[in-house]
Amino acid sequence: MTPEDLFLTPAGLRFLGRLIPCSIGRGGVSAEKREGDGATPAGLHRITGCYYRPDRIRRPALWAQPIGPGDLWCDKSGDPNYNRLVKAPCPVSHEKLRRADPLYDIVLITDWNWPNATPGKGSAIFLHQWRRPGFATAGCIATSRENIAFIAQHARLGSRLIVPPSIPKYLGMRRSAPVTQV
């Protein structure tokens, strides 16, 4: 493990000498991730992309791509585009990346079940902005706007996200402290 790795701990996400408060999936961490379980998958994942809302914020990193009005993420298990960026219209189940709320103003994509998605293993494990401190996600890792911007500015394509299987289920459900230097 290096300081450039994003490492999930019971106290938050360690990255570049910081301990970043975060929330995880409502299903806790799971070594047996499946579609719809609300769990954050345990394992070693890589950052494969960064998207941002150019109408709301400046590009957070040179490698970040703008989210367009028709950008969607297919979450229909078994579909050929499962766990991939697609364009509207998309006739199957999908998630809008250009949301009315700020949750995906910056979103880092991981390689969970990607690029060759196995049906039923779960889609789209992102790092994104949280609704509020302690509010669980559907499986992603979420943090404050300032912290997701910091991560996007300093991470790179291929950065490692390490999620140990021993993280308590309610990591993200307790009151979070401000960012601290470690």
C-alpha atoms as a PDB file:
ATOM      1  CA  MET A   1       0.000   0.000   0.000  1.00  0.00           C
ATOM      2  CA  THR A   2       1.203   3.519  -0.857  1.00  0.00           C
ATOM      3  CA  PRO A   3      -0.050   7.009   0.096  1.00  0.00           C
ATOM      4  CA  GLU A   4      -1.447   7.284  -3.463  1.00  0.00           C
ATOM      5  CA  ASP A   5      -3.819   4.369  -2.780  1.00  0.00           C
ATOM      6  CA  LEU A   6      -7.333   5.098  -1.599  1.00  0.00           C
ATOM      7  CA  PHE A   7      -7.731   2.762   1.371  1.00  0.00           C
ATOM      8  CA  LEU A   8     -11.058   2.311   3.144  1.00  0.00           C
ATOM      9  CA  THR A   9     -10.718   2.038   6.929  1.00  0.00           C
ATOM     10  CA  PRO A  10     -13.327   1.976   9.716  1.00  0.00           C
ATOM     11  CA  ALA A  11     -12.554   5.678  10.257  1.00  0.00           C
ATOM     12  CA  GLY A  12     -12.851   6.768   6.607  1.00  0.00           C
ATOM     13  CA  LEU A  13     -10.888   6.790   3.375  1.00  0.00           C
ATOM     14  CA  ARG A  14      -7.104   7.229   3.642  1.00  0.00           C
ATOM     15  CA  PHE A  15      -5.556   9.091   0.714  1.00  0.00           C
ATOM     16  CA  LEU A  16      -2.342  11.106   0.434  1.00  0.00           C
ATOM     17  CA  GLY A  17      -1.895  11.370   4.189  1.00  0.00           C
ATOM     18  CA  ARG A  18      -5.471  12.442   4.837  1.00  0.00           C
ATOM     19  CA  LEU A  19      -8.301  10.638   6.527  1.00  0.00           C
ATOM     20  CA  ILE A  20     -11.420  11.502   4.557  1.00  0.00           C
ATOM     21  CA  PRO A  21     -14.837  10.947   6.156  1.00  0.00           C
ATOM     22  CA  CYS A  22     -17.044   8.893   3.866  1.00  0.00           C
ATOM     23  CA  SER A  23     -20.175   6.807   3.581  1.00  0.00           C
ATOM     24  CA  ILE A  24     -20.453   3.316   2.113  1.00  0.00           C
ATOM     25  CA  GLY A  25     -23.300   1.156   0.888  1.00  0.00           C
ATOM     26  CA  ARG A  26     -26.311   0.506   3.114  1.00  0.00           C
ATOM     27  CA  GLY A  27     -25.462  -3.216   2.824  1.00  0.00           C
ATOM     28  CA  GLY A  28     -21.973  -2.704   4.285  1.00  0.00           C
ATOM     29  CA  VAL A  29     -18.931  -4.225   2.597  1.00  0.00           C
ATOM     30  CA  SER A  30     -19.402  -7.543   0.845  1.00  0.00           C
ATOM     31  CA  ALA A  31     -17.045 -10.072  -0.709  1.00  0.00           C
ATOM     32  CA  GLU A  32     -20.104 -11.504  -2.525  1.00  0.00           C
ATOM     33  CA  LYS A  33     -21.477  -8.357  -4.205  1.00  0.00           C
ATOM     34  CA  ARG A  34     -24.633  -8.770  -6.296  1.00  0.00           C
ATOM     35  CA  GLU A  35     -26.948  -6.392  -8.117  1.00  0.00           C
ATOM     36  CA  GLY A  36     -29.291  -4.511  -5.789  1.00  0.00           C
ATOM     37  CA  ASP A  37     -27.745  -5.619  -2.458  1.00  0.00           C
ATOM     38  CA  GLY A  38     -26.643  -2.085  -1.547  1.00  0.00           C
ATOM     39  CA  ALA A  39     -23.175  -3.341  -0.617  1.00  0.00           C
ATOM     40  CA  THR A  40     -19.795  -1.830  -1.351  1.00  0.00           C
ATOM     41  CA  PRO A  41     -17.681  -4.600  -2.903  1.00  0.00           C
ATOM     42  CA  ALA A  42     -14.557  -5.697  -1.043  1.00  0.00           C
ATOM     43  CA  GLY A  43     -11.375  -5.971  -3.059  1.00  0.00           C
ATOM     44  CA  LEU A  44      -8.807  -4.048  -4.994  1.00  0.00           C
ATOM     45  CA  HIS A  45     -10.414  -1.747  -7.547  1.00  0.00           C
ATOM     46  CA  ARG A  46      -8.925   0.772  -9.959  1.00  0.00           C
ATOM     47  CA  ILE A  47     -10.115   4.231 -10.949  1.00  0.00           C
ATOM     48  CA  THR A  48     -11.014   4.027 -14.645  1.00  0.00           C
ATOM     49  CA  GLY A  49     -12.541   7.429 -15.279  1.00  0.00           C
ATOM     50  CA  CYS A  50     -13.661  10.768 -13.935  1.00  0.00           C
ATOM     51  CA  TYR A  51     -16.728  12.687 -15.082  1.00  0.00           C
ATOM     52  CA  TYR A  52     -17.889  16.148 -14.044  1.00  0.00           C
ATOM     53  CA  ARG A  53     -20.684  18.660 -14.656  1.00  0.00           C
ATOM     54  CA  PRO A  54     -19.110  21.455 -16.756  1.00  0.00           C
ATOM     55  CA  ASP A  55     -22.193  23.632 -16.245  1.00  0.00           C
ATOM     56  CA  ARG A  56     -21.591  23.578 -12.469  1.00  0.00           C
ATOM     57  CA  ILE A  57     -17.868  23.198 -11.828  1.00  0.00           C
ATOM     58  CA  ARG A  58     -14.490  23.531 -13.488  1.00  0.00           C
ATOM     59  CA  ARG A  59     -12.746  20.425 -14.771  1.00  0.00           C
ATOM     60  CA  PRO A  60     -11.269  18.808 -11.614  1.00  0.00           C
ATOM     61  CA  ALA A  61      -8.456  17.014 -13.481  1.00  0.00           C
ATOM     62  CA  LEU A  62      -7.035  17.053 -16.988  1.00  0.00           C
ATOM     63  CA  TRP A  63      -8.291  13.521 -17.592  1.00  0.00           C
ATOM     64  CA  ALA A  64     -11.856  14.276 -16.428  1.00  0.00           C
ATOM     65  CA  GLN A  65     -14.597  14.077 -19.068  1.00  0.00           C
ATOM     66  CA  PRO A  66     -17.709  16.289 -19.113  1.00  0.00           C
ATOM     67  CA  ILE A  67     -21.106  14.773 -18.355  1.00  0.00           C
ATOM     68  CA  GLY A  68     -23.488  15.578 -21.171  1.00  0.00           C
ATOM     69  CA  PRO A  69     -27.289  15.860 -21.006  1.00  0.00           C
ATOM     70  CA  GLY A  70     -27.770  12.414 -22.543  1.00  0.00           C
ATOM     71  CA  ASP A  71     -25.168  10.518 -20.513  1.00  0.00           C
ATOM     72  CA  LEU A  72     -26.552   7.491 -18.683  1.00  0.00           C
ATOM     73  CA  TRP A  73     -25.165   4.409 -16.929  1.00  0.00           C
ATOM     74  CA  CYS A  74     -26.819   1.122 -17.885  1.00  0.00           C
ATOM     75  CA  ASP A  75     -27.688  -0.996 -14.832  1.00  0.00           C
ATOM     76  CA  LYS A  76     -29.808  -3.642 -16.569  1.00  0.00           C
ATOM     77  CA  SER A  77     -28.193  -6.969 -15.687  1.00  0.00           C
ATOM     78  CA  GLY A  78     -27.723  -9.089 -18.797  1.00  0.00           C
ATOM     79  CA  ASP A  79     -27.984  -6.197 -21.258  1.00  0.00           C
ATOM     80  CA  PRO A  80     -24.986  -5.894 -23.630  1.00  0.00           C
ATOM     81  CA  ASN A  81     -24.367  -2.393 -22.199  1.00  0.00           C
ATOM     82  CA  TYR A  82     -24.637  -3.495 -18.533  1.00  0.00           C
ATOM     83  CA  ASN A  83     -22.314  -1.438 -16.334  1.00  0.00           C
ATOM     84  CA  ARG A  84     -21.325   0.939 -19.117  1.00  0.00           C
ATOM     85  CA  LEU A  85     -21.767   4.570 -20.069  1.00  0.00           C
ATOM     86  CA  VAL A  86     -24.552   4.852 -22.648  1.00  0.00           C
ATOM     87  CA  LYS A  87     -26.333   7.722 -24.380  1.00  0.00           C
ATOM     88  CA  ALA A  88     -30.030   8.539 -24.238  1.00  0.00           C
ATOM     89  CA  PRO A  89     -32.371   7.161 -25.280  1.00  0.00           C
ATOM     90  CA  CYS A  90     -31.721   3.886 -23.481  1.00  0.00           C
ATOM     91  CA  PRO A  91     -34.712   1.521 -23.445  1.00  0.00           C
ATOM     92  CA  VAL A  92     -33.506  -0.533 -20.442  1.00  0.00           C
ATOM     93  CA  SER A  93     -32.877   0.311 -16.782  1.00  0.00           C
ATOM     94  CA  HIS A  94     -30.270   3.035 -16.347  1.00  0.00           C
ATOM     95  CA  GLU A  95     -29.121   5.844 -14.101  1.00  0.00           C
ATOM     96  CA  LYS A  96     -28.804   9.461 -15.245  1.00  0.00           C
ATOM     97  CA  LEU A  97     -25.319  10.867 -14.753  1.00  0.00           C
ATOM     98  CA  ARG A  98     -26.530  14.443 -15.215  1.00  0.00           C
ATOM     99  CA  ARG A  99     -28.601  14.644 -12.045  1.00  0.00           C
ATOM    100  CA  ALA A 100     -30.658  17.523 -10.680  1.00  0.00           C
ATOM    101  CA  ASP A 101     -28.906  17.143  -7.309  1.00  0.00           C
ATOM    102  CA  PRO A 102     -25.124  17.620  -6.937  1.00  0.00           C
ATOM    103  CA  LEU A 103     -24.241  13.981  -6.137  1.00  0.00           C
ATOM    104  CA  TYR A 104     -22.588  13.384  -9.521  1.00  0.00           C
ATOM    105  CA  ASP A 105     -21.114  16.832 -10.142  1.00  0.00           C
ATOM    106  CA  ILE A 106     -17.823  14.910  -9.854  1.00  0.00           C
ATOM    107  CA  VAL A 107     -17.880  11.133 -10.147  1.00  0.00           C
ATOM    108  CA  LEU A 108     -14.943   8.749 -10.234  1.00  0.00           C
ATOM    109  CA  ILE A 109     -15.655   5.423 -11.917  1.00  0.00           C
ATOM    110  CA  THR A 110     -14.110   2.182 -10.658  1.00  0.00           C
ATOM    111  CA  ASP A 111     -13.446  -1.049 -12.514  1.00  0.00           C
ATOM    112  CA  TRP A 112     -15.895  -3.028 -10.375  1.00  0.00           C
ATOM    113  CA  ASN A 113     -17.432  -5.652 -12.719  1.00  0.00           C
ATOM    114  CA  TRP A 114     -15.984  -3.765 -15.700  1.00  0.00           C
ATOM    115  CA  PRO A 115     -15.133  -3.851 -18.610  1.00  0.00           C
ATOM    116  CA  ASN A 116     -16.571  -7.355 -19.061  1.00  0.00           C
ATOM    117  CA  ALA A 117     -19.572  -7.235 -16.752  1.00  0.00           C
ATOM    118  CA  THR A 118     -20.913 -10.457 -15.266  1.00  0.00           C
ATOM    119  CA  PRO A 119     -24.726 -10.282 -15.052  1.00  0.00           C
ATOM    120  CA  GLY A 120     -25.941 -10.007 -11.472  1.00  0.00           C
ATOM    121  CA  LYS A 121     -22.549  -9.016  -9.943  1.00  0.00           C
ATOM    122  CA  GLY A 122     -23.542  -5.371  -9.608  1.00  0.00           C
ATOM    123  CA  SER A 123     -22.873  -2.248 -11.578  1.00  0.00           C
ATOM    124  CA  ALA A 124     -21.422   1.189 -11.139  1.00  0.00           C
ATOM    125  CA  ILE A 125     -19.360   1.488  -8.004  1.00  0.00           C
ATOM    126  CA  PHE A 126     -18.536   5.184  -8.043  1.00  0.00           C
ATOM    127  CA  LEU A 127     -16.859   7.647  -5.723  1.00  0.00           C
ATOM    128  CA  HIS A 128     -19.117  10.699  -5.550  1.00  0.00           C
ATOM    129  CA  GLN A 129     -20.502  13.455  -3.341  1.00  0.00           C
ATOM    130  CA  TRP A 130     -22.692  12.394  -0.438  1.00  0.00           C
ATOM    131  CA  ARG A 131     -26.213  13.602   0.318  1.00  0.00           C
ATOM    132  CA  ARG A 132     -25.103  14.427   3.836  1.00  0.00           C
ATOM    133  CA  PRO A 133     -22.590  13.015   6.314  1.00  0.00           C
ATOM    134  CA  GLY A 134     -23.492   9.491   7.355  1.00  0.00           C
ATOM    135  CA  PHE A 135     -26.126   8.901   4.658  1.00  0.00           C
ATOM    136  CA  ALA A 136     -25.537   5.432   3.198  1.00  0.00           C
ATOM    137  CA  THR A 137     -25.247   4.859  -0.561  1.00  0.00           C
ATOM    138  CA  ALA A 138     -26.511   2.086  -2.835  1.00  0.00           C
ATOM    139  CA  GLY A 139     -22.973   0.624  -2.808  1.00  0.00           C
ATOM    140  CA  CYS A 140     -20.763   3.514  -3.838  1.00  0.00           C
ATOM    141  CA  ILE A 141     -18.348   5.446  -1.637  1.00  0.00           C
ATOM    142  CA  ALA A 142     -19.447   9.028  -0.995  1.00  0.00           C
ATOM    143  CA  THR A 143     -17.842  12.019   0.690  1.00  0.00           C
ATOM    144  CA  SER A 144     -18.163  15.801   0.845  1.00  0.00           C
ATOM    145  CA  ARG A 145     -17.941  18.000  -2.232  1.00  0.00           C
ATOM    146  CA  GLU A 146     -14.571  19.356  -1.107  1.00  0.00           C
ATOM    147  CA  ASN A 147     -13.183  15.875  -0.544  1.00  0.00           C
ATOM    148  CA  ILE A 148     -14.388  14.400  -3.845  1.00  0.00           C
ATOM    149  CA  ALA A 149     -12.824  17.400  -5.609  1.00  0.00           C
ATOM    150  CA  PHE A 150      -9.551  16.771  -3.730  1.00  0.00           C
ATOM    151  CA  ILE A 151      -9.586  13.086  -4.688  1.00  0.00           C
ATOM    152  CA  ALA A 152     -10.349  13.876  -8.346  1.00  0.00           C
ATOM    153  CA  GLN A 153      -7.538  16.459  -8.473  1.00  0.00           C
ATOM    154  CA  HIS A 154      -4.945  14.082  -7.015  1.00  0.00           C
ATOM    155  CA  ALA A 155      -5.968  10.601  -8.162  1.00  0.00           C
ATOM    156  CA  ARG A 156      -5.076   9.345 -11.607  1.00  0.00           C
ATOM    157  CA  LEU A 157      -6.312   6.736 -14.020  1.00  0.00           C
ATOM    158  CA  GLY A 158      -5.366   3.409 -12.492  1.00  0.00           C
ATOM    159  CA  SER A 159      -5.219   4.660  -8.892  1.00  0.00           C
ATOM    160  CA  ARG A 160      -6.037   1.819  -6.532  1.00  0.00           C
ATOM    161  CA  LEU A 161      -9.087   1.746  -4.272  1.00  0.00           C
ATOM    162  CA  ILE A 162      -8.637  -0.894  -1.587  1.00  0.00           C
ATOM    163  CA  VAL A 163     -11.769  -2.042   0.250  1.00  0.00           C
ATOM    164  CA  PRO A 164     -11.016  -4.634   2.959  1.00  0.00           C
ATOM    165  CA  PRO A 165     -13.819  -7.090   3.782  1.00  0.00           C
ATOM    166  CA  SER A 166     -13.648  -6.272   7.508  1.00  0.00           C
ATOM    167  CA  ILE A 167     -15.140  -2.753   7.395  1.00  0.00           C
ATOM    168  CA  PRO A 168     -18.114  -2.359   9.799  1.00  0.00           C
ATOM    169  CA  LYS A 169     -21.519  -2.160   8.117  1.00  0.00           C
ATOM    170  CA  TYR A 170     -22.343   1.188   9.680  1.00  0.00           C
ATOM    171  CA  LEU A 171     -19.138   3.038   8.789  1.00  0.00           C
ATOM    172  CA  GLY A 172     -21.022   5.703   6.895  1.00  0.00           C
ATOM    173  CA  MET A 173     -23.951   5.905   9.277  1.00  0.00           C
ATOM    174  CA  ARG A 174     -22.260   7.578  12.200  1.00  0.00           C
ATOM    175  CA  ARG A 175     -21.467  11.235  12.517  1.00  0.00           C
ATOM    176  CA  SER A 176     -18.419  12.088  10.439  1.00  0.00           C
ATOM    177  CA  ALA A 177     -15.537  14.269  11.525  1.00  0.00           C
ATOM    178  CA  PRO A 178     -13.981  16.913   9.290  1.00  0.00           C
ATOM    179  CA  VAL A 179     -11.042  16.029   7.066  1.00  0.00           C
ATOM    180  CA  THR A 180      -7.933  15.499   9.166  1.00  0.00           C
ATOM    181  CA  GLN A 181      -4.279  15.200   8.323  1.00  0.00           C
ATOM    182  CA  VAL A 182      -2.777  11.842   9.249  1.00  0.00           C
END
